[in-house]
């Protein structure tokens, strides 16, 4: 389904009627910030994974103990 020029003009007229010509620049600015924030959010998980703190030795030992206990319970 393609959107034609006529449909775009109708939507534009409705937006102008609803929000008024003075609010449209504010709306476009907010929309631009939202898109920018979304793009930054999509890139963020890669950086977060790289910067994640390493588990401490005690935590590794505790996790190994839990796994060993679970394996012993299964046998």
PDB file of N, CA and C in Angstrom:
ATOM      1  N   UNK A   1       0.849  -1.172   0.000  1.00  0.00           N
ATOM      2  CA  UNK A   1       0.000   0.000   0.000  1.00  0.00           C
ATOM      3  C   UNK A   1       0.895   1.236   0.000  1.00  0.00           C
ATOM      4  N   UNK A   2       0.699   2.075  -0.959  1.00  0.00           N
ATOM      5  CA  UNK A   2       1.489   3.296  -1.075  1.00  0.00           C
ATOM      6  C   UNK A   2       0.671   4.481  -0.603  1.00  0.00           C
ATOM      7  N   UNK A   3       1.365   5.433  -0.009  1.00  0.00           N
ATOM      8  CA  UNK A   3       0.715   6.661   0.433  1.00  0.00           C
ATOM      9  C   UNK A   3       0.942   7.705  -0.644  1.00  0.00           C
ATOM     10  N   UNK A   4      -0.138   8.251  -1.136  1.00  0.00           N
ATOM     11  CA  UNK A   4      -0.047   9.242  -2.199  1.00  0.00           C
ATOM     12  C   UNK A   4       0.088  10.653  -1.659  1.00  0.00           C
ATOM     13  N   UNK A   5       0.319  11.570  -2.565  1.00  0.00           N
ATOM     14  CA  UNK A   5       0.480  12.977  -2.208  1.00  0.00           C
ATOM     15  C   UNK A   5      -0.821  13.518  -1.629  1.00  0.00           C
ATOM     16  N   UNK A   6      -1.928  13.094  -2.187  1.00  0.00           N
ATOM     17  CA  UNK A   6      -3.226  13.569  -1.730  1.00  0.00           C
ATOM     18  C   UNK A   6      -3.475  13.169  -0.266  1.00  0.00           C
ATOM     19  N   UNK A   7      -3.141  11.938   0.089  1.00  0.00           N
ATOM     20  CA  UNK A   7      -3.322  11.494   1.473  1.00  0.00           C
ATOM     21  C   UNK A   7      -2.407  12.272   2.422  1.00  0.00           C
ATOM     22  N   UNK A   8      -1.166  12.530   1.992  1.00  0.00           N
ATOM     23  CA  UNK A   8      -0.246  13.291   2.827  1.00  0.00           C
ATOM     24  C   UNK A   8      -0.753  14.715   3.073  1.00  0.00           C
ATOM     25  N   UNK A   9      -1.303  15.332   2.046  1.00  0.00           N
ATOM     26  CA  UNK A   9      -1.855  16.678   2.213  1.00  0.00           C
ATOM     27  C   UNK A   9      -3.039  16.679   3.175  1.00  0.00           C
ATOM     28  N   UNK A  10      -3.878  15.680   3.086  1.00  0.00           N
ATOM     29  CA  UNK A  10      -5.024  15.578   4.003  1.00  0.00           C
ATOM     30  C   UNK A  10      -4.548  15.435   5.443  1.00  0.00           C
ATOM     31  N   UNK A  11      -3.556  14.577   5.659  1.00  0.00           N
ATOM     32  CA  UNK A  11      -3.012  14.392   7.008  1.00  0.00           C
ATOM     33  C   UNK A  11      -2.387  15.689   7.506  1.00  0.00           C
ATOM     34  N   UNK A  12      -1.661  16.386   6.660  1.00  0.00           N
ATOM     35  CA  UNK A  12      -1.037  17.647   7.035  1.00  0.00           C
ATOM     36  C   UNK A  12      -2.085  18.687   7.445  1.00  0.00           C
ATOM     37  N   UNK A  13      -3.156  18.779   6.689  1.00  0.00           N
ATOM     38  CA  UNK A  13      -4.232  19.724   7.012  1.00  0.00           C
ATOM     39  C   UNK A  13      -4.859  19.365   8.358  1.00  0.00           C
ATOM     40  N   UNK A  14      -5.084  18.087   8.609  1.00  0.00           N
ATOM     41  CA  UNK A  14      -5.671  17.657   9.882  1.00  0.00           C
ATOM     42  C   UNK A  14      -4.738  17.997  11.040  1.00  0.00           C
ATOM     43  N   UNK A  15      -3.446  17.775  10.863  1.00  0.00           N
ATOM     44  CA  UNK A  15      -2.477  18.095  11.913  1.00  0.00           C
ATOM     45  C   UNK A  15      -2.481  19.598  12.191  1.00  0.00           C
ATOM     46  N   UNK A  16      -2.530  20.404  11.166  1.00  0.00           N
ATOM     47  CA  UNK A  16      -2.553  21.861  11.353  1.00  0.00           C
ATOM     48  C   UNK A  16      -3.827  22.288  12.075  1.00  0.00           C
ATOM     49  N   UNK A  17      -4.938  21.670  11.735  1.00  0.00           N
ATOM     50  CA  UNK A  17      -6.205  22.019  12.397  1.00  0.00           C
ATOM     51  C   UNK A  17      -6.173  21.628  13.871  1.00  0.00           C
ATOM     52  N   UNK A  18      -5.651  20.440  14.164  1.00  0.00           N
ATOM     53  CA  UNK A  18      -5.647  19.947  15.548  1.00  0.00           C
ATOM     54  C   UNK A  18      -4.652  20.711  16.412  1.00  0.00           C
ATOM     55  N   UNK A  19      -3.418  20.859  15.956  1.00  0.00           N
ATOM     56  CA  UNK A  19      -2.369  21.428  16.787  1.00  0.00           C
ATOM     57  C   UNK A  19      -2.140  22.915  16.558  1.00  0.00           C
ATOM     58  N   UNK A  20      -2.534  23.424  15.446  1.00  0.00           N
ATOM     59  CA  UNK A  20      -2.302  24.832  15.142  1.00  0.00           C
ATOM     60  C   UNK A  20      -0.905  25.044  14.590  1.00  0.00           C
ATOM     61  N   UNK A  21      -0.729  26.073  13.797  1.00  0.00           N
ATOM     62  CA  UNK A  21       0.567  26.300  13.146  1.00  0.00           C
ATOM     63  C   UNK A  21       1.691  26.664  14.124  1.00  0.00           C
ATOM     64  N   UNK A  22       1.358  27.147  15.326  1.00  0.00           N
ATOM     65  CA  UNK A  22       2.409  27.519  16.270  1.00  0.00           C
ATOM     66  C   UNK A  22       2.987  26.305  16.999  1.00  0.00           C
ATOM     67  N   UNK A  23       2.243  25.229  17.106  1.00  0.00           N
ATOM     68  CA  UNK A  23       2.697  24.045  17.842  1.00  0.00           C
ATOM     69  C   UNK A  23       3.475  23.067  16.969  1.00  0.00           C
ATOM     70  N   UNK A  24       3.362  23.162  15.665  1.00  0.00           N
ATOM     71  CA  UNK A  24       3.995  22.191  14.765  1.00  0.00           C
ATOM     72  C   UNK A  24       5.520  22.195  14.895  1.00  0.00           C
ATOM     73  N   UNK A  25       6.204  23.351  14.980  1.00  0.00           N
ATOM     74  CA  UNK A  25       7.661  23.297  15.165  1.00  0.00           C
ATOM     75  C   UNK A  25       8.064  22.575  16.461  1.00  0.00           C
ATOM     76  N   UNK A  26       7.301  22.770  17.531  1.00  0.00           N
ATOM     77  CA  UNK A  26       7.587  22.085  18.791  1.00  0.00           C
ATOM     78  C   UNK A  26       7.406  20.573  18.636  1.00  0.00           C
ATOM     79  N   UNK A  27       6.350  20.187  17.935  1.00  0.00           N
ATOM     80  CA  UNK A  27       6.093  18.760  17.717  1.00  0.00           C
ATOM     81  C   UNK A  27       7.197  18.107  16.898  1.00  0.00           C
ATOM     82  N   UNK A  28       7.649  18.790  15.859  1.00  0.00           N
ATOM     83  CA  UNK A  28       8.713  18.203  15.036  1.00  0.00           C
ATOM     84  C   UNK A  28      10.016  18.102  15.816  1.00  0.00           C
ATOM     85  N   UNK A  29      10.287  19.083  16.683  1.00  0.00           N
ATOM     86  CA  UNK A  29      11.489  19.037  17.510  1.00  0.00           C
ATOM     87  C   UNK A  29      11.415  17.856  18.485  1.00  0.00           C
ATOM     88  N   UNK A  30      10.256  17.666  19.117  1.00  0.00           N
ATOM     89  CA  UNK A  30      10.086  16.539  20.040  1.00  0.00           C
ATOM     90  C   UNK A  30      10.204  15.211  19.293  1.00  0.00           C
ATOM     91  N   UNK A  31       9.652  15.152  18.106  1.00  0.00           N
ATOM     92  CA  UNK A  31       9.736  13.926  17.312  1.00  0.00           C
ATOM     93  C   UNK A  31      11.189  13.621  16.953  1.00  0.00           C
ATOM     94  N   UNK A  32      11.941  14.641  16.577  1.00  0.00           N
ATOM     95  CA  UNK A  32      13.359  14.464  16.252  1.00  0.00           C
ATOM     96  C   UNK A  32      14.154  13.970  17.449  1.00  0.00           C
ATOM     97  N   UNK A  33      13.890  14.536  18.634  1.00  0.00           N
ATOM     98  CA  UNK A  33      14.570  14.081  19.847  1.00  0.00           C
ATOM     99  C   UNK A  33      14.214  12.633  20.164  1.00  0.00           C
ATOM    100  N   UNK A  34      12.954  12.278  19.949  1.00  0.00           N
ATOM    101  CA  UNK A  34      12.526  10.908  20.211  1.00  0.00           C
ATOM    102  C   UNK A  34      13.242   9.920  19.294  1.00  0.00           C
ATOM    103  N   UNK A  35      13.337  10.251  18.026  1.00  0.00           N
ATOM    104  CA  UNK A  35      14.020   9.370  17.073  1.00  0.00           C
ATOM    105  C   UNK A  35      15.501   9.254  17.432  1.00  0.00           C
ATOM    106  N   UNK A  36      16.117  10.370  17.808  1.00  0.00           N
ATOM    107  CA  UNK A  36      17.530  10.360  18.201  1.00  0.00           C
ATOM    108  C   UNK A  36      17.729   9.495  19.441  1.00  0.00           C
ATOM    109  N   UNK A  37      16.855   9.648  20.417  1.00  0.00           N
ATOM    110  CA  UNK A  37      16.944   8.840  21.628  1.00  0.00           C
ATOM    111  C   UNK A  37      16.750   7.362  21.343  1.00  0.00           C
ATOM    112  N   UNK A  38      15.848   7.041  20.429  1.00  0.00           N
ATOM    113  CA  UNK A  38      15.622   5.646  20.060  1.00  0.00           C
ATOM    114  C   UNK A  38      16.856   5.055  19.398  1.00  0.00           C
ATOM    115  N   UNK A  39      17.475   5.810  18.503  1.00  0.00           N
ATOM    116  CA  UNK A  39      18.687   5.331  17.834  1.00  0.00           C
ATOM    117  C   UNK A  39      19.819   5.130  18.832  1.00  0.00           C
ATOM    118  N   UNK A  40      19.973   6.073  19.769  1.00  0.00           N
ATOM    119  CA  UNK A  40      21.014   5.927  20.795  1.00  0.00           C
ATOM    120  C   UNK A  40      20.721   4.728  21.685  1.00  0.00           C
ATOM    121  N   UNK A  41      19.454   4.500  21.979  1.00  0.00           N
ATOM    122  CA  UNK A  41      19.071   3.352  22.795  1.00  0.00           C
ATOM    123  C   UNK A  41      19.351   2.037  22.097  1.00  0.00           C
ATOM    124  N   UNK A  42      19.253   2.017  20.793  1.00  0.00           N
ATOM    125  CA  UNK A  42      19.541   0.792  20.041  1.00  0.00           C
ATOM    126  C   UNK A  42      21.031   0.481  20.059  1.00  0.00           C
ATOM    127  N   UNK A  43      21.879   1.500  20.129  1.00  0.00           N
ATOM    128  CA  UNK A  43      23.322   1.306  20.151  1.00  0.00           C
ATOM    129  C   UNK A  43      23.833   1.038  21.563  1.00  0.00           C
ATOM    130  N   UNK A  44      23.095   1.442  22.584  1.00  0.00           N
ATOM    131  CA  UNK A  44      23.553   1.359  23.970  1.00  0.00           C
ATOM    132  C   UNK A  44      23.818  -0.062  24.474  1.00  0.00           C
ATOM    133  N   UNK A  45      23.005  -1.065  24.180  1.00  0.00           N
ATOM    134  CA  UNK A  45      23.272  -2.391  24.746  1.00  0.00           C
ATOM    135  C   UNK A  45      24.659  -2.935  24.420  1.00  0.00           C
ATOM    136  N   UNK A  46      25.192  -2.638  23.263  1.00  0.00           N
ATOM    137  CA  UNK A  46      26.531  -3.105  22.922  1.00  0.00           C
ATOM    138  C   UNK A  46      27.557  -2.496  23.859  1.00  0.00           C
ATOM    139  N   UNK A  47      27.411  -1.216  24.180  1.00  0.00           N
ATOM    140  CA  UNK A  47      28.349  -0.547  25.068  1.00  0.00           C
ATOM    141  C   UNK A  47      28.189  -1.043  26.494  1.00  0.00           C
ATOM    142  N   UNK A  48      26.971  -1.305  26.911  1.00  0.00           N
ATOM    143  CA  UNK A  48      26.720  -1.753  28.269  1.00  0.00           C
ATOM    144  C   UNK A  48      27.351  -3.116  28.501  1.00  0.00           C
ATOM    145  N   UNK A  49      27.259  -3.999  27.538  1.00  0.00           N
ATOM    146  CA  UNK A  49      27.832  -5.330  27.679  1.00  0.00           C
ATOM    147  C   UNK A  49      29.346  -5.245  27.815  1.00  0.00           C
ATOM    148  N   UNK A  50      29.970  -4.394  27.061  1.00  0.00           N
ATOM    149  CA  UNK A  50      31.422  -4.243  27.123  1.00  0.00           C
ATOM    150  C   UNK A  50      31.868  -3.643  28.450  1.00  0.00           C
ATOM    151  N   UNK A  51      31.066  -2.756  29.030  1.00  0.00           N
ATOM    152  CA  UNK A  51      31.433  -2.073  30.266  1.00  0.00           C
ATOM    153  C   UNK A  51      30.929  -2.796  31.513  1.00  0.00           C
ATOM    154  N   UNK A  52      30.318  -3.949  31.366  1.00  0.00           N
ATOM    155  CA  UNK A  52      29.763  -4.668  32.510  1.00  0.00           C
ATOM    156  C   UNK A  52      30.888  -5.093  33.447  1.00  0.00           C
ATOM    157  N   UNK A  53      30.656  -4.966  34.771  1.00  0.00           N
ATOM    158  CA  UNK A  53      31.705  -5.354  35.716  1.00  0.00           C
ATOM    159  C   UNK A  53      31.914  -6.866  35.716  1.00  0.00           C
ATOM    160  N   UNK A  54      33.135  -7.244  35.952  1.00  0.00           N
ATOM    161  CA  UNK A  54      33.480  -8.660  36.006  1.00  0.00           C
ATOM    162  C   UNK A  54      32.992  -9.232  37.335  1.00  0.00           C
ATOM    163  N   UNK A  55      32.486 -10.471  37.353  1.00  0.00           N
ATOM    164  CA  UNK A  55      32.054 -11.064  38.610  1.00  0.00           C
ATOM    165  C   UNK A  55      33.250 -11.311  39.526  1.00  0.00           C
ATOM    166  N   UNK A  56      33.019 -11.169  40.812  1.00  0.00           N
ATOM    167  CA  UNK A  56      34.088 -11.372  41.781  1.00  0.00           C
ATOM    168  C   UNK A  56      34.318 -12.857  41.985  1.00  0.00           C
ATOM    169  N   UNK A  57      35.487 -13.193  42.546  1.00  0.00           N
ATOM    170  CA  UNK A  57      35.843 -14.588  42.751  1.00  0.00           C
ATOM    171  C   UNK A  57      34.871 -15.278  43.694  1.00  0.00           C
ATOM    172  N   UNK A  58      34.417 -14.570  44.724  1.00  0.00           N
ATOM    173  CA  UNK A  58      33.469 -15.160  45.670  1.00  0.00           C
ATOM    174  C   UNK A  58      32.173 -15.530  44.961  1.00  0.00           C
ATOM    175  N   UNK A  59      31.727 -14.664  44.066  1.00  0.00           N
ATOM    176  CA  UNK A  59      30.496 -14.938  43.338  1.00  0.00           C
ATOM    177  C   UNK A  59      30.678 -16.143  42.431  1.00  0.00           C
ATOM    178  N   UNK A  60      31.847 -16.271  41.810  1.00  0.00           N
ATOM    179  CA  UNK A  60      32.114 -17.433  40.954  1.00  0.00           C
ATOM    180  C   UNK A  60      32.118 -18.708  41.785  1.00  0.00           C
ATOM    181  N   UNK A  61      32.759 -18.658  42.974  1.00  0.00           N
ATOM    182  CA  UNK A  61      32.806 -19.838  43.832  1.00  0.00           C
ATOM    183  C   UNK A  61      31.412 -20.216  44.304  1.00  0.00           C
ATOM    184  N   UNK A  62      30.614 -19.238  44.661  1.00  0.00           N
ATOM    185  CA  UNK A  62      29.255 -19.510  45.121  1.00  0.00           C
ATOM    186  C   UNK A  62      28.427 -20.121  43.999  1.00  0.00           C
ATOM    187  N   UNK A  63      28.582 -19.611  42.792  1.00  0.00           N
ATOM    188  CA  UNK A  63      27.836 -20.150  41.656  1.00  0.00           C
ATOM    189  C   UNK A  63      28.273 -21.574  41.363  1.00  0.00           C
ATOM    190  N   UNK A  64      29.569 -21.834  41.461  1.00  0.00           N
ATOM    191  CA  UNK A  64      30.068 -23.192  41.229  1.00  0.00           C
ATOM    192  C   UNK A  64      29.548 -24.145  42.295  1.00  0.00           C
ATOM    193  N   UNK A  65      29.455 -23.676  43.537  1.00  0.00           N
ATOM    194  CA  UNK A  65      28.948 -24.505  44.626  1.00  0.00           C
ATOM    195  C   UNK A  65      27.476 -24.842  44.405  1.00  0.00           C
ATOM    196  N   UNK A  66      26.692 -23.864  43.977  1.00  0.00           N
ATOM    197  CA  UNK A  66      25.277 -24.091  43.712  1.00  0.00           C
ATOM    198  C   UNK A  66      25.115 -25.113  42.597  1.00  0.00           C
ATOM    199  N   UNK A  67      25.905 -24.973  41.533  1.00  0.00           N
ATOM    200  CA  UNK A  67      25.830 -25.919  40.425  1.00  0.00           C
ATOM    201  C   UNK A  67      26.219 -27.313  40.884  1.00  0.00           C
ATOM    202  N   UNK A  68      27.255 -27.427  41.722  1.00  0.00           N
ATOM    203  CA  UNK A  68      27.673 -28.725  42.222  1.00  0.00           C
ATOM    204  C   UNK A  68      26.593 -29.335  43.102  1.00  0.00           C
ATOM    205  N   UNK A  69      25.949 -28.537  43.931  1.00  0.00           N
ATOM    206  CA  UNK A  69      24.859 -29.033  44.766  1.00  0.00           C
ATOM    207  C   UNK A  69      23.685 -29.522  43.932  1.00  0.00           C
ATOM    208  N   UNK A  70      23.378 -28.779  42.871  1.00  0.00           N
ATOM    209  CA  UNK A  70      22.269 -29.189  41.994  1.00  0.00           C
ATOM    210  C   UNK A  70      22.608 -30.507  41.281  1.00  0.00           C
ATOM    211  N   UNK A  71      23.840 -30.651  40.855  1.00  0.00           N
ATOM    212  CA  UNK A  71      24.233 -31.896  40.186  1.00  0.00           C
ATOM    213  C   UNK A  71      24.195 -33.062  41.169  1.00  0.00           C
ATOM    214  N   UNK A  72      24.576 -32.831  42.407  1.00  0.00           N
ATOM    215  CA  UNK A  72      24.547 -33.878  43.417  1.00  0.00           C
ATOM    216  C   UNK A  72      23.116 -34.283  43.718  1.00  0.00           C
ATOM    217  N   UNK A  73      22.193 -33.330  43.731  1.00  0.00           N
ATOM    218  CA  UNK A  73      20.790 -33.621  43.993  1.00  0.00           C
ATOM    219  C   UNK A  73      20.182 -34.444  42.855  1.00  0.00           C
ATOM    220  N   UNK A  74      20.616 -34.210  41.632  1.00  0.00           N
ATOM    221  CA  UNK A  74      20.086 -34.930  40.481  1.00  0.00           C
ATOM    222  C   UNK A  74      20.521 -36.388  40.470  1.00  0.00           C
ATOM    223  N   UNK A  75      21.692 -36.679  41.030  1.00  0.00           N
ATOM    224  CA  UNK A  75      22.212 -38.044  41.017  1.00  0.00           C
ATOM    225  C   UNK A  75      21.570 -38.840  42.068  1.00  0.00           C
TER     226      UNK A  75
END
